[in-house]
Amino acid sequence: MFRTRSRIRHRLTIQLCSAALLASGCVHNIHVAPMPQEHSPATLPARVQLEVPFLAIEGADHMPGITLLEWPAADLQHAIIEYFAQRQTFTTIGTEPADLRLVVKAWLTLRAPDRYLYRVHLETDLSISGQAPLKTYASEGQAFGSSVRWVTASDQDPITDATTQALHQLASQIEQDRELLRKSAGR
């Protein structure tokens, strides 16, 4: 009986250690740094407060045998700030209260028909601080990844590409509304 308990404990210990090793090595922590390919044709003379209330991930951890994917909303928020600052869409953009408020809700979906398809969808409200939205925008980007997700880069690179596309669409839409936003912010 002592031997049986000892074997069970030994097996349980091995299983728990194996599970811990697998879990720690099977998480792809995503960090994106999308770069604009162009500058804004004319900087909007406004300070902007950015909020990213959530980043929903669908598909990455719901498929059998798929590595867990972690992409915190704070990373996306930082990436958006850097993107718009480098593109020079606004005078300044950050997380502190400002003239305008940009609220970006984000979704990442991952599908695997034969190669992994990463889709980043952004729904954005732009408003004068404390008021209803002046304008609502939707933008999306997608990129194919590899057929196997072995390392973090196999997720990170296509997510960065899809995010860059979505942010380019969003920035272009906002910049097209320059006159509306300039007049509204000038009230």
N, C-alpha and C. Protein backbone atom coordinates (compact mmCIF):
# COMPACT_ATOMS: atom_id res chain seq x y z
N MET A 1 0.82 -1.19 0.00
CA MET A 1 0.00 0.00 0.00
C MET A 1 0.87 1.26 0.00
N PHE A 2 1.97 1.21 0.77
CA PHE A 2 2.89 2.35 0.79
C PHE A 2 3.49 2.60 -0.58
N ARG A 3 3.83 1.49 -1.29
CA ARG A 3 4.40 1.60 -2.63
C ARG A 3 3.40 2.22 -3.60
N THR A 4 2.14 1.83 -3.50
CA THR A 4 1.11 2.34 -4.39
C THR A 4 0.94 3.84 -4.19
N ARG A 5 0.88 4.27 -2.94
CA ARG A 5 0.75 5.71 -2.66
C ARG A 5 1.98 6.47 -3.15
N SER A 6 3.13 5.88 -2.96
CA SER A 6 4.37 6.50 -3.40
C SER A 6 4.38 6.66 -4.92
N ARG A 7 3.95 5.63 -5.63
CA ARG A 7 3.88 5.70 -7.10
C ARG A 7 2.89 6.76 -7.56
N ILE A 8 1.74 6.80 -6.91
CA ILE A 8 0.72 7.79 -7.27
C ILE A 8 1.26 9.20 -7.05
N ARG A 9 1.90 9.43 -5.89
CA ARG A 9 2.49 10.75 -5.62
C ARG A 9 3.55 11.10 -6.65
N HIS A 10 4.39 10.10 -6.97
CA HIS A 10 5.46 10.32 -7.95
C HIS A 10 4.86 10.70 -9.31
N ARG A 11 3.87 9.95 -9.75
CA ARG A 11 3.22 10.24 -11.03
C ARG A 11 2.54 11.60 -11.00
N LEU A 12 1.86 11.91 -9.92
CA LEU A 12 1.18 13.19 -9.79
C LEU A 12 2.18 14.34 -9.81
N THR A 13 3.30 14.16 -9.12
CA THR A 13 4.34 15.19 -9.11
C THR A 13 4.90 15.41 -10.52
N ILE A 14 5.14 14.34 -11.24
CA ILE A 14 5.65 14.45 -12.61
C ILE A 14 4.62 15.14 -13.50
N GLN A 15 3.36 14.78 -13.37
CA GLN A 15 2.32 15.40 -14.18
C GLN A 15 2.18 16.88 -13.88
N LEU A 16 2.22 17.25 -12.60
CA LEU A 16 2.11 18.65 -12.22
C LEU A 16 3.31 19.45 -12.72
N CYS A 17 4.50 18.89 -12.58
CA CYS A 17 5.70 19.59 -13.08
C CYS A 17 5.65 19.74 -14.60
N SER A 18 5.23 18.69 -15.29
CA SER A 18 5.12 18.75 -16.75
C SER A 18 4.10 19.80 -17.17
N ALA A 19 2.96 19.82 -16.47
CA ALA A 19 1.94 20.82 -16.80
C ALA A 19 2.45 22.23 -16.56
N ALA A 20 3.18 22.44 -15.47
CA ALA A 20 3.73 23.77 -15.19
C ALA A 20 4.74 24.19 -16.24
N LEU A 21 5.60 23.27 -16.66
CA LEU A 21 6.57 23.58 -17.71
C LEU A 21 5.89 23.89 -19.03
N LEU A 22 4.90 23.09 -19.38
CA LEU A 22 4.18 23.34 -20.62
C LEU A 22 3.45 24.67 -20.58
N ALA A 23 2.80 24.94 -19.45
CA ALA A 23 2.03 26.20 -19.34
C ALA A 23 2.95 27.41 -19.42
N SER A 24 4.10 27.34 -18.77
CA SER A 24 4.99 28.50 -18.79
C SER A 24 5.62 28.71 -20.16
N GLY A 25 5.81 27.66 -20.93
CA GLY A 25 6.44 27.79 -22.24
C GLY A 25 5.45 27.96 -23.36
N CYS A 26 4.17 27.90 -23.09
CA CYS A 26 3.16 27.91 -24.15
C CYS A 26 2.34 29.19 -24.17
N VAL A 27 2.84 30.24 -23.60
CA VAL A 27 2.14 31.51 -23.62
C VAL A 27 2.91 32.45 -24.53
N HIS A 28 2.22 32.98 -25.52
CA HIS A 28 2.83 33.96 -26.41
C HIS A 28 2.42 35.34 -25.92
N ASN A 29 3.35 36.05 -25.30
CA ASN A 29 3.11 37.41 -24.81
C ASN A 29 3.39 38.38 -25.94
N ILE A 30 2.35 39.06 -26.38
CA ILE A 30 2.44 39.91 -27.56
C ILE A 30 2.77 41.35 -27.17
N HIS A 31 3.68 41.92 -27.94
CA HIS A 31 4.03 43.34 -27.83
C HIS A 31 4.13 43.86 -29.27
N VAL A 32 3.33 44.87 -29.58
CA VAL A 32 3.35 45.40 -30.94
C VAL A 32 3.92 46.82 -30.94
N ALA A 33 4.55 47.15 -32.04
CA ALA A 33 5.09 48.50 -32.24
C ALA A 33 4.84 48.90 -33.70
N PRO A 34 3.57 49.16 -34.05
CA PRO A 34 3.27 49.53 -35.43
C PRO A 34 3.87 50.89 -35.77
N MET A 35 4.42 50.98 -36.96
CA MET A 35 5.04 52.21 -37.41
C MET A 35 4.24 52.79 -38.57
N PRO A 36 3.94 54.09 -38.52
CA PRO A 36 3.24 54.70 -39.66
C PRO A 36 4.17 54.77 -40.87
N GLN A 37 3.58 54.60 -42.03
CA GLN A 37 4.38 54.66 -43.25
C GLN A 37 4.39 56.07 -43.84
N GLU A 38 3.61 56.96 -43.23
CA GLU A 38 3.56 58.35 -43.70
C GLU A 38 3.18 59.25 -42.53
N HIS A 39 3.42 60.53 -42.72
CA HIS A 39 3.02 61.52 -41.73
C HIS A 39 1.67 62.10 -42.13
N SER A 40 0.98 62.64 -41.14
CA SER A 40 -0.29 63.29 -41.40
C SER A 40 -0.06 64.48 -42.34
N PRO A 41 -0.96 64.69 -43.30
CA PRO A 41 -0.80 65.84 -44.18
C PRO A 41 -0.91 67.17 -43.42
N ALA A 42 -1.68 67.18 -42.33
CA ALA A 42 -1.81 68.39 -41.51
C ALA A 42 -2.18 67.97 -40.09
N THR A 43 -1.36 68.33 -39.14
CA THR A 43 -1.60 67.98 -37.75
C THR A 43 -2.86 68.68 -37.24
N LEU A 44 -3.73 67.92 -36.58
CA LEU A 44 -4.92 68.52 -35.96
C LEU A 44 -4.47 69.27 -34.72
N PRO A 45 -4.81 70.55 -34.60
CA PRO A 45 -4.35 71.32 -33.44
C PRO A 45 -5.17 70.98 -32.19
N ALA A 46 -4.96 69.79 -31.67
CA ALA A 46 -5.71 69.34 -30.49
C ALA A 46 -4.87 68.38 -29.67
N ARG A 47 -5.11 68.46 -28.36
CA ARG A 47 -4.53 67.48 -27.45
C ARG A 47 -5.57 66.38 -27.26
N VAL A 48 -5.12 65.12 -27.25
CA VAL A 48 -6.04 63.99 -27.22
C VAL A 48 -5.71 63.06 -26.04
N GLN A 49 -6.77 62.67 -25.35
CA GLN A 49 -6.67 61.65 -24.30
C GLN A 49 -7.13 60.32 -24.90
N LEU A 50 -6.28 59.32 -24.85
CA LEU A 50 -6.60 58.00 -25.40
C LEU A 50 -7.02 57.05 -24.29
N GLU A 51 -8.10 56.32 -24.55
CA GLU A 51 -8.53 55.25 -23.64
C GLU A 51 -8.74 53.99 -24.47
N VAL A 52 -8.27 52.87 -23.95
CA VAL A 52 -8.52 51.57 -24.55
C VAL A 52 -9.19 50.74 -23.44
N PRO A 53 -10.54 50.79 -23.37
CA PRO A 53 -11.22 50.12 -22.26
C PRO A 53 -11.12 48.60 -22.30
N PHE A 54 -10.96 48.02 -23.49
CA PHE A 54 -10.77 46.58 -23.55
C PHE A 54 -10.16 46.14 -24.87
N LEU A 55 -9.57 44.97 -24.80
CA LEU A 55 -9.03 44.29 -25.97
C LEU A 55 -9.49 42.85 -25.85
N ALA A 56 -10.44 42.47 -26.67
CA ALA A 56 -10.99 41.11 -26.62
C ALA A 56 -10.22 40.23 -27.61
N ILE A 57 -9.92 39.02 -27.17
CA ILE A 57 -9.21 38.06 -28.03
C ILE A 57 -10.12 36.86 -28.22
N GLU A 58 -10.36 36.53 -29.48
CA GLU A 58 -11.25 35.42 -29.79
C GLU A 58 -10.52 34.42 -30.67
N GLY A 59 -10.58 33.17 -30.28
CA GLY A 59 -10.04 32.11 -31.12
C GLY A 59 -8.69 31.58 -30.70
N ALA A 60 -7.83 32.42 -30.17
CA ALA A 60 -6.46 31.97 -29.89
C ALA A 60 -6.39 30.92 -28.80
N ASP A 61 -7.19 31.02 -27.78
CA ASP A 61 -7.12 30.05 -26.69
C ASP A 61 -8.36 29.16 -26.64
N HIS A 62 -9.13 29.16 -27.69
CA HIS A 62 -10.34 28.34 -27.73
C HIS A 62 -10.24 27.21 -28.74
N MET A 63 -9.07 27.05 -29.34
CA MET A 63 -8.90 26.02 -30.34
C MET A 63 -8.04 24.91 -29.74
N PRO A 64 -8.39 23.64 -29.95
CA PRO A 64 -7.63 22.54 -29.37
C PRO A 64 -6.15 22.59 -29.76
N GLY A 65 -5.30 22.39 -28.77
CA GLY A 65 -3.86 22.34 -29.03
C GLY A 65 -3.23 23.66 -29.37
N ILE A 66 -3.92 24.77 -29.17
CA ILE A 66 -3.40 26.08 -29.55
C ILE A 66 -2.76 26.75 -28.33
N THR A 67 -1.64 27.34 -28.58
CA THR A 67 -0.91 28.05 -27.54
C THR A 67 -1.71 29.27 -27.07
N LEU A 68 -1.68 29.52 -25.78
CA LEU A 68 -2.36 30.68 -25.21
C LEU A 68 -1.68 31.96 -25.69
N LEU A 69 -2.48 32.94 -26.03
CA LEU A 69 -1.98 34.21 -26.52
C LEU A 69 -2.39 35.29 -25.52
N GLU A 70 -1.43 36.07 -25.06
CA GLU A 70 -1.71 37.17 -24.14
C GLU A 70 -1.27 38.47 -24.78
N TRP A 71 -2.23 39.41 -24.89
CA TRP A 71 -1.94 40.74 -25.44
C TRP A 71 -2.70 41.74 -24.59
N PRO A 72 -2.04 42.36 -23.63
CA PRO A 72 -2.73 43.29 -22.74
C PRO A 72 -3.19 44.57 -23.45
N ALA A 73 -4.34 45.08 -23.02
CA ALA A 73 -4.86 46.33 -23.58
C ALA A 73 -3.87 47.47 -23.38
N ALA A 74 -3.11 47.43 -22.30
CA ALA A 74 -2.12 48.49 -22.04
C ALA A 74 -1.05 48.52 -23.13
N ASP A 75 -0.68 47.36 -23.67
CA ASP A 75 0.30 47.34 -24.76
C ASP A 75 -0.28 47.98 -26.01
N LEU A 76 -1.53 47.64 -26.31
CA LEU A 76 -2.19 48.25 -27.47
C LEU A 76 -2.32 49.76 -27.27
N GLN A 77 -2.67 50.19 -26.08
CA GLN A 77 -2.81 51.62 -25.80
C GLN A 77 -1.48 52.34 -26.05
N HIS A 78 -0.40 51.78 -25.56
CA HIS A 78 0.92 52.38 -25.77
C HIS A 78 1.25 52.41 -27.27
N ALA A 79 0.93 51.33 -27.98
CA ALA A 79 1.21 51.27 -29.42
C ALA A 79 0.43 52.34 -30.19
N ILE A 80 -0.83 52.55 -29.80
CA ILE A 80 -1.65 53.57 -30.47
C ILE A 80 -1.08 54.97 -30.21
N ILE A 81 -0.69 55.23 -28.98
CA ILE A 81 -0.10 56.53 -28.65
C ILE A 81 1.15 56.77 -29.49
N GLU A 82 2.03 55.79 -29.54
CA GLU A 82 3.27 55.93 -30.32
C GLU A 82 2.98 56.10 -31.81
N TYR A 83 2.01 55.34 -32.32
CA TYR A 83 1.67 55.42 -33.74
C TYR A 83 1.20 56.83 -34.09
N PHE A 84 0.22 57.36 -33.34
CA PHE A 84 -0.32 58.68 -33.65
C PHE A 84 0.71 59.78 -33.39
N ALA A 85 1.56 59.61 -32.39
CA ALA A 85 2.60 60.61 -32.13
C ALA A 85 3.60 60.66 -33.30
N GLN A 86 4.01 59.50 -33.79
CA GLN A 86 4.96 59.46 -34.91
C GLN A 86 4.32 59.93 -36.20
N ARG A 87 3.05 59.63 -36.38
CA ARG A 87 2.34 60.06 -37.59
C ARG A 87 2.04 61.56 -37.53
N GLN A 88 2.00 62.13 -36.33
CA GLN A 88 1.73 63.55 -36.09
C GLN A 88 0.31 63.93 -36.49
N THR A 89 -0.64 63.05 -36.13
CA THR A 89 -2.04 63.32 -36.41
C THR A 89 -2.57 64.43 -35.51
N PHE A 90 -2.16 64.43 -34.23
CA PHE A 90 -2.60 65.41 -33.25
C PHE A 90 -1.39 66.16 -32.71
N THR A 91 -1.66 67.32 -32.08
CA THR A 91 -0.58 68.06 -31.45
C THR A 91 0.08 67.18 -30.39
N THR A 92 -0.73 66.58 -29.50
CA THR A 92 -0.22 65.61 -28.53
C THR A 92 -1.29 64.55 -28.30
N ILE A 93 -0.83 63.37 -27.88
CA ILE A 93 -1.74 62.29 -27.51
C ILE A 93 -1.12 61.56 -26.32
N GLY A 94 -1.97 61.25 -25.35
CA GLY A 94 -1.51 60.55 -24.15
C GLY A 94 -2.70 60.03 -23.36
N THR A 95 -2.48 59.73 -22.10
CA THR A 95 -3.55 59.19 -21.26
C THR A 95 -4.11 60.23 -20.29
N GLU A 96 -3.53 61.41 -20.27
CA GLU A 96 -4.00 62.48 -19.37
C GLU A 96 -5.21 63.19 -19.99
N PRO A 97 -6.08 63.79 -19.15
CA PRO A 97 -7.21 64.55 -19.68
C PRO A 97 -6.75 65.61 -20.68
N ALA A 98 -7.54 65.78 -21.75
CA ALA A 98 -7.16 66.69 -22.83
C ALA A 98 -8.40 67.25 -23.51
N ASP A 99 -8.20 68.04 -24.59
CA ASP A 99 -9.29 68.66 -25.34
C ASP A 99 -10.25 67.63 -25.91
N LEU A 100 -9.68 66.62 -26.59
CA LEU A 100 -10.47 65.57 -27.22
C LEU A 100 -10.22 64.23 -26.51
N ARG A 101 -11.18 63.37 -26.63
CA ARG A 101 -11.10 62.03 -26.02
C ARG A 101 -11.28 60.99 -27.14
N LEU A 102 -10.33 60.09 -27.27
CA LEU A 102 -10.36 59.03 -28.26
C LEU A 102 -10.49 57.71 -27.51
N VAL A 103 -11.63 57.02 -27.70
CA VAL A 103 -11.87 55.75 -27.02
C VAL A 103 -11.84 54.65 -28.08
N VAL A 104 -10.89 53.72 -27.93
CA VAL A 104 -10.69 52.65 -28.90
C VAL A 104 -11.02 51.31 -28.25
N LYS A 105 -12.02 50.64 -28.79
CA LYS A 105 -12.36 49.28 -28.36
C LYS A 105 -11.79 48.35 -29.42
N ALA A 106 -11.13 47.28 -28.97
CA ALA A 106 -10.40 46.44 -29.92
C ALA A 106 -10.75 44.96 -29.78
N TRP A 107 -10.71 44.29 -30.93
CA TRP A 107 -10.93 42.85 -30.99
C TRP A 107 -9.84 42.24 -31.85
N LEU A 108 -9.27 41.15 -31.38
CA LEU A 108 -8.35 40.34 -32.17
C LEU A 108 -9.02 38.99 -32.36
N THR A 109 -9.20 38.59 -33.60
CA THR A 109 -9.72 37.25 -33.87
C THR A 109 -8.65 36.46 -34.62
N LEU A 110 -8.62 35.20 -34.31
CA LEU A 110 -7.64 34.31 -34.90
C LEU A 110 -8.37 33.10 -35.45
N ARG A 111 -8.17 32.84 -36.73
CA ARG A 111 -8.79 31.70 -37.40
C ARG A 111 -7.69 30.88 -38.06
N ALA A 112 -7.96 29.60 -38.24
CA ALA A 112 -6.94 28.73 -38.82
C ALA A 112 -7.52 27.83 -39.90
N PRO A 113 -7.84 28.40 -41.09
CA PRO A 113 -8.31 27.53 -42.17
C PRO A 113 -7.17 26.60 -42.63
N ASP A 114 -6.08 27.12 -43.12
CA ASP A 114 -4.88 26.35 -43.42
C ASP A 114 -3.65 27.10 -42.88
N ARG A 115 -3.64 28.42 -43.07
CA ARG A 115 -2.66 29.30 -42.42
C ARG A 115 -3.44 30.14 -41.43
N TYR A 116 -2.81 30.54 -40.36
CA TYR A 116 -3.49 31.36 -39.36
C TYR A 116 -3.79 32.74 -39.93
N LEU A 117 -5.01 33.20 -39.70
CA LEU A 117 -5.45 34.52 -40.14
C LEU A 117 -5.74 35.35 -38.89
N TYR A 118 -5.05 36.47 -38.76
CA TYR A 118 -5.18 37.38 -37.63
C TYR A 118 -5.94 38.61 -38.10
N ARG A 119 -7.01 38.97 -37.40
CA ARG A 119 -7.79 40.14 -37.76
C ARG A 119 -7.90 41.05 -36.53
N VAL A 120 -7.52 42.31 -36.72
CA VAL A 120 -7.65 43.33 -35.66
C VAL A 120 -8.75 44.28 -36.09
N HIS A 121 -9.77 44.42 -35.24
CA HIS A 121 -10.91 45.30 -35.51
C HIS A 121 -10.95 46.37 -34.42
N LEU A 122 -11.02 47.64 -34.81
CA LEU A 122 -11.07 48.76 -33.89
C LEU A 122 -12.38 49.52 -34.08
N GLU A 123 -13.08 49.80 -32.99
CA GLU A 123 -14.24 50.68 -33.01
C GLU A 123 -13.89 51.86 -32.12
N THR A 124 -13.97 53.05 -32.69
CA THR A 124 -13.42 54.23 -32.05
C THR A 124 -14.44 55.36 -31.99
N ASP A 125 -14.52 55.99 -30.82
CA ASP A 125 -15.32 57.20 -30.64
C ASP A 125 -14.38 58.35 -30.38
N LEU A 126 -14.61 59.46 -31.07
CA LEU A 126 -13.84 60.68 -30.85
C LEU A 126 -14.82 61.74 -30.37
N SER A 127 -14.51 62.33 -29.22
CA SER A 127 -15.43 63.31 -28.64
C SER A 127 -14.65 64.44 -27.98
N ILE A 128 -15.37 65.54 -27.74
CA ILE A 128 -14.84 66.58 -26.89
C ILE A 128 -14.99 66.04 -25.47
N SER A 129 -13.99 66.21 -24.66
CA SER A 129 -14.03 65.65 -23.30
C SER A 129 -15.32 66.02 -22.59
N GLY A 130 -15.98 65.00 -22.04
CA GLY A 130 -17.21 65.20 -21.29
C GLY A 130 -18.46 65.29 -22.13
N GLN A 131 -18.36 65.10 -23.44
CA GLN A 131 -19.53 65.20 -24.33
C GLN A 131 -19.73 63.91 -25.12
N ALA A 132 -20.87 63.85 -25.80
CA ALA A 132 -21.18 62.69 -26.65
C ALA A 132 -20.19 62.64 -27.82
N PRO A 133 -20.01 61.47 -28.41
CA PRO A 133 -19.07 61.38 -29.53
C PRO A 133 -19.44 62.29 -30.70
N LEU A 134 -18.40 62.94 -31.24
CA LEU A 134 -18.56 63.75 -32.46
C LEU A 134 -18.62 62.83 -33.67
N LYS A 135 -17.84 61.79 -33.61
CA LYS A 135 -17.70 60.89 -34.75
C LYS A 135 -17.31 59.50 -34.24
N THR A 136 -17.81 58.48 -34.93
CA THR A 136 -17.47 57.09 -34.62
C THR A 136 -16.81 56.48 -35.85
N TYR A 137 -15.76 55.73 -35.62
CA TYR A 137 -14.99 55.14 -36.71
C TYR A 137 -14.88 53.63 -36.49
N ALA A 138 -14.75 52.91 -37.59
CA ALA A 138 -14.46 51.47 -37.55
C ALA A 138 -13.31 51.22 -38.52
N SER A 139 -12.35 50.45 -38.09
CA SER A 139 -11.22 50.13 -38.96
C SER A 139 -10.79 48.69 -38.69
N GLU A 140 -10.11 48.13 -39.68
CA GLU A 140 -9.75 46.73 -39.55
C GLU A 140 -8.50 46.44 -40.35
N GLY A 141 -7.74 45.49 -39.86
CA GLY A 141 -6.57 45.02 -40.58
C GLY A 141 -6.46 43.52 -40.41
N GLN A 142 -5.87 42.86 -41.37
CA GLN A 142 -5.70 41.42 -41.25
C GLN A 142 -4.39 41.00 -41.88
N ALA A 143 -3.85 39.91 -41.35
CA ALA A 143 -2.59 39.38 -41.89
C ALA A 143 -2.57 37.87 -41.68
N PHE A 144 -1.96 37.21 -42.63
CA PHE A 144 -1.78 35.77 -42.51
C PHE A 144 -0.50 35.49 -41.75
N GLY A 145 -0.54 34.47 -40.92
CA GLY A 145 0.65 33.99 -40.24
C GLY A 145 1.07 32.67 -40.85
N SER A 146 1.85 31.94 -40.11
CA SER A 146 2.31 30.64 -40.60
C SER A 146 1.23 29.58 -40.38
N SER A 147 1.50 28.39 -40.80
CA SER A 147 0.55 27.29 -40.60
C SER A 147 0.73 26.65 -39.23
N VAL A 148 1.82 26.99 -38.53
CA VAL A 148 2.09 26.46 -37.19
C VAL A 148 2.54 27.61 -36.29
N ARG A 149 2.05 27.62 -35.07
CA ARG A 149 2.41 28.68 -34.12
C ARG A 149 3.40 28.12 -33.10
N TRP A 150 4.70 28.19 -33.40
CA TRP A 150 5.71 27.61 -32.52
C TRP A 150 6.29 28.62 -31.54
N VAL A 151 6.56 29.81 -31.99
CA VAL A 151 7.21 30.82 -31.15
C VAL A 151 6.36 32.08 -31.15
N THR A 152 6.63 32.96 -30.21
CA THR A 152 5.84 34.19 -30.06
C THR A 152 5.83 35.00 -31.35
N ALA A 153 6.95 35.05 -32.06
CA ALA A 153 7.02 35.84 -33.30
C ALA A 153 6.01 35.35 -34.33
N SER A 154 5.65 34.06 -34.28
CA SER A 154 4.68 33.55 -35.25
C SER A 154 3.30 34.16 -35.03
N ASP A 155 3.03 34.67 -33.83
CA ASP A 155 1.81 35.42 -33.55
C ASP A 155 2.06 36.92 -33.64
N GLN A 156 3.15 37.37 -33.06
CA GLN A 156 3.42 38.80 -32.91
C GLN A 156 3.56 39.53 -34.24
N ASP A 157 4.28 38.95 -35.17
CA ASP A 157 4.51 39.63 -36.45
C ASP A 157 3.21 39.88 -37.22
N PRO A 158 2.34 38.86 -37.41
CA PRO A 158 1.09 39.15 -38.13
C PRO A 158 0.14 40.06 -37.33
N ILE A 159 0.18 39.99 -36.01
CA ILE A 159 -0.66 40.88 -35.20
C ILE A 159 -0.19 42.32 -35.37
N THR A 160 1.12 42.51 -35.41
CA THR A 160 1.66 43.86 -35.65
C THR A 160 1.23 44.36 -37.02
N ASP A 161 1.31 43.51 -38.04
CA ASP A 161 0.90 43.92 -39.39
C ASP A 161 -0.59 44.29 -39.43
N ALA A 162 -1.43 43.47 -38.83
CA ALA A 162 -2.88 43.74 -38.82
C ALA A 162 -3.18 45.02 -38.04
N THR A 163 -2.49 45.23 -36.93
CA THR A 163 -2.69 46.44 -36.12
C THR A 163 -2.26 47.68 -36.89
N THR A 164 -1.15 47.59 -37.60
CA THR A 164 -0.67 48.71 -38.41
C THR A 164 -1.70 49.09 -39.46
N GLN A 165 -2.28 48.10 -40.14
CA GLN A 165 -3.30 48.36 -41.14
C GLN A 165 -4.53 49.05 -40.52
N ALA A 166 -4.98 48.53 -39.38
CA ALA A 166 -6.16 49.10 -38.71
C ALA A 166 -5.89 50.54 -38.27
N LEU A 167 -4.71 50.80 -37.73
CA LEU A 167 -4.38 52.16 -37.29
C LEU A 167 -4.21 53.11 -38.48
N HIS A 168 -3.68 52.62 -39.58
CA HIS A 168 -3.57 53.46 -40.78
C HIS A 168 -4.96 53.88 -41.26
N GLN A 169 -5.90 52.92 -41.31
CA GLN A 169 -7.28 53.24 -41.69
C GLN A 169 -7.89 54.26 -40.74
N LEU A 170 -7.70 54.03 -39.43
CA LEU A 170 -8.27 54.93 -38.43
C LEU A 170 -7.70 56.33 -38.56
N ALA A 171 -6.39 56.44 -38.67
CA ALA A 171 -5.75 57.76 -38.80
C ALA A 171 -6.22 58.47 -40.07
N SER A 172 -6.34 57.74 -41.16
CA SER A 172 -6.80 58.35 -42.41
C SER A 172 -8.22 58.88 -42.28
N GLN A 173 -9.10 58.12 -41.62
CA GLN A 173 -10.48 58.56 -41.41
C GLN A 173 -10.53 59.82 -40.55
N ILE A 174 -9.76 59.82 -39.47
CA ILE A 174 -9.74 61.00 -38.59
C ILE A 174 -9.21 62.21 -39.33
N GLU A 175 -8.14 62.03 -40.08
CA GLU A 175 -7.53 63.13 -40.81
C GLU A 175 -8.46 63.68 -41.89
N GLN A 176 -9.32 62.85 -42.47
CA GLN A 176 -10.30 63.33 -43.44
C GLN A 176 -11.34 64.23 -42.78
N ASP A 177 -11.57 64.04 -41.49
CA ASP A 177 -12.54 64.85 -40.75
C ASP A 177 -11.88 66.04 -40.06
N ARG A 178 -10.73 66.45 -40.54
CA ARG A 178 -9.95 67.52 -39.89
C ARG A 178 -10.78 68.78 -39.66
N GLU A 179 -11.49 69.24 -40.67
CA GLU A 179 -12.25 70.49 -40.54
C GLU A 179 -13.37 70.36 -39.50
N LEU A 180 -14.10 69.26 -39.54
CA LEU A 180 -15.16 69.02 -38.55
C LEU A 180 -14.60 69.03 -37.14
N LEU A 181 -13.49 68.33 -36.95
CA LEU A 181 -12.89 68.24 -35.62
C LEU A 181 -12.28 69.56 -35.18
N ARG A 182 -11.67 70.26 -36.10
CA ARG A 182 -11.08 71.56 -35.77
C ARG A 182 -12.16 72.55 -35.33
N LYS A 183 -13.28 72.58 -36.07
CA LYS A 183 -14.37 73.48 -35.72
C LYS A 183 -15.01 73.07 -34.39
N SER A 184 -15.20 71.79 -34.17
CA SER A 184 -15.82 71.31 -32.93
C SER A 184 -14.95 71.56 -31.73
N ALA A 185 -13.65 71.34 -31.88
CA ALA A 185 -12.72 71.55 -30.76
C ALA A 185 -12.51 73.03 -30.48
N GLY A 186 -12.77 73.89 -31.49
CA GLY A 186 -12.57 75.32 -31.34
C GLY A 186 -13.72 76.03 -30.67
N ARG A 187 -14.84 75.32 -30.41
CA ARG A 187 -16.01 75.97 -29.78
C ARG A 187 -15.72 76.46 -28.41
